[in-house]
Amino acid sequence: MKVNETEEEVLRMAGRALNEKLKSFKELYHTDDRQDLLAMVAFDSLLQKLKNDISSANVETNINDKIGYLNTLISKSIS
């Protein structure tokens, strides 16, 4: 696999995280089936990403609401 030097460390970190998740699921579900383990890791990773996306969207909405409120306060105090 060819990668840019700037991405190399991130890929190494991803590889370590993947191996840790594989090991964790292997111990948790007592299976050596690599395909099953990879499917579980893929599903778990997607689930985490979706949770993070929802959380980020909620934070962004909250920030936008607060900025809108502050803009309203500032506009009222200027007028």
Protein backbone atom coordinates (compact mmCIF):
# COMPACT_ATOMS: atom_id res chain seq x y z
CA MET A 1 0.00 0.00 0.00
CA LYS A 2 1.47 3.35 -1.04
CA VAL A 3 0.69 6.34 1.15
CA ASN A 4 1.93 9.89 1.58
CA GLU A 5 4.35 10.44 4.41
CA THR A 6 1.84 12.78 6.02
CA GLU A 7 -0.74 9.97 6.19
CA GLU A 8 1.63 7.23 7.32
CA GLU A 9 1.27 7.81 11.07
CA VAL A 10 -2.52 8.03 10.84
CA LEU A 11 -2.60 4.73 8.94
CA ARG A 12 -0.36 3.11 11.54
CA MET A 13 -2.70 4.33 14.27
CA ALA A 14 -5.68 2.96 12.32
CA GLY A 15 -3.93 -0.39 11.98
CA ARG A 16 -3.23 -0.57 15.69
CA ALA A 17 -6.85 0.36 16.49
CA LEU A 18 -8.11 -2.27 14.04
CA ASN A 19 -5.94 -4.96 15.60
CA GLU A 20 -7.11 -3.98 19.09
CA LYS A 21 -10.76 -4.16 18.06
CA LEU A 22 -10.21 -7.52 16.35
CA LYS A 23 -8.55 -8.86 19.50
CA SER A 24 -11.33 -7.45 21.69
CA PHE A 25 -14.13 -8.98 19.60
CA LYS A 26 -12.22 -12.28 19.35
CA GLU A 27 -12.06 -12.50 23.14
CA LEU A 28 -15.60 -11.21 23.67
CA TYR A 29 -17.30 -13.56 21.19
CA HIS A 30 -14.83 -16.49 21.36
CA THR A 31 -14.44 -16.80 17.61
CA ASP A 32 -11.46 -17.10 15.31
CA ASP A 33 -13.44 -16.52 12.11
CA ARG A 34 -11.57 -13.59 10.59
CA GLN A 35 -14.45 -12.66 8.28
CA ASP A 36 -16.94 -12.50 11.16
CA LEU A 37 -14.50 -10.48 13.25
CA LEU A 38 -13.86 -8.02 10.43
CA ALA A 39 -17.61 -7.64 9.86
CA MET A 40 -18.14 -6.91 13.56
CA VAL A 41 -15.32 -4.36 13.56
CA ALA A 42 -16.70 -2.70 10.41
CA PHE A 43 -20.19 -2.50 11.90
CA ASP A 44 -18.89 -1.19 15.23
CA SER A 45 -16.73 1.41 13.47
CA LEU A 46 -19.64 2.61 11.36
CA LEU A 47 -21.84 2.81 14.45
CA GLN A 48 -19.22 4.93 16.24
CA LYS A 49 -18.89 7.21 13.20
CA LEU A 50 -22.65 7.72 13.02
CA LYS A 51 -22.80 8.51 16.75
CA ASN A 52 -19.98 11.01 16.34
CA ASP A 53 -21.71 12.59 13.32
CA ILE A 54 -24.94 12.99 15.28
CA SER A 55 -23.07 14.42 18.25
CA SER A 56 -21.20 16.87 16.01
CA ALA A 57 -24.45 17.95 14.36
CA ASN A 58 -26.02 18.52 17.77
CA VAL A 59 -23.04 20.58 18.92
CA GLU A 60 -23.13 22.61 15.70
CA THR A 61 -26.86 23.26 16.11
CA ASN A 62 -26.34 24.29 19.72
CA ILE A 63 -23.53 26.66 18.76
CA ASN A 64 -25.58 28.18 15.95
CA ASP A 65 -28.53 28.68 18.31
CA LYS A 66 -26.31 30.44 20.85
CA ILE A 67 -24.72 32.63 18.19
CA GLY A 68 -28.18 33.58 16.95
CA TYR A 69 -29.24 34.46 20.49
CA LEU A 70 -26.10 36.56 21.03
CA ASN A 71 -26.66 38.33 17.71
CA THR A 72 -30.20 39.15 18.80
CA LEU A 73 -28.96 40.54 22.12
CA ILE A 74 -26.29 42.63 20.40
CA SER A 75 -28.76 43.93 17.82
CA LYS A 76 -31.21 44.92 20.55
CA SER A 77 -28.53 46.70 22.57
CA ILE A 78 -27.27 48.63 19.53
CA SER A 79 -30.75 49.77 18.46
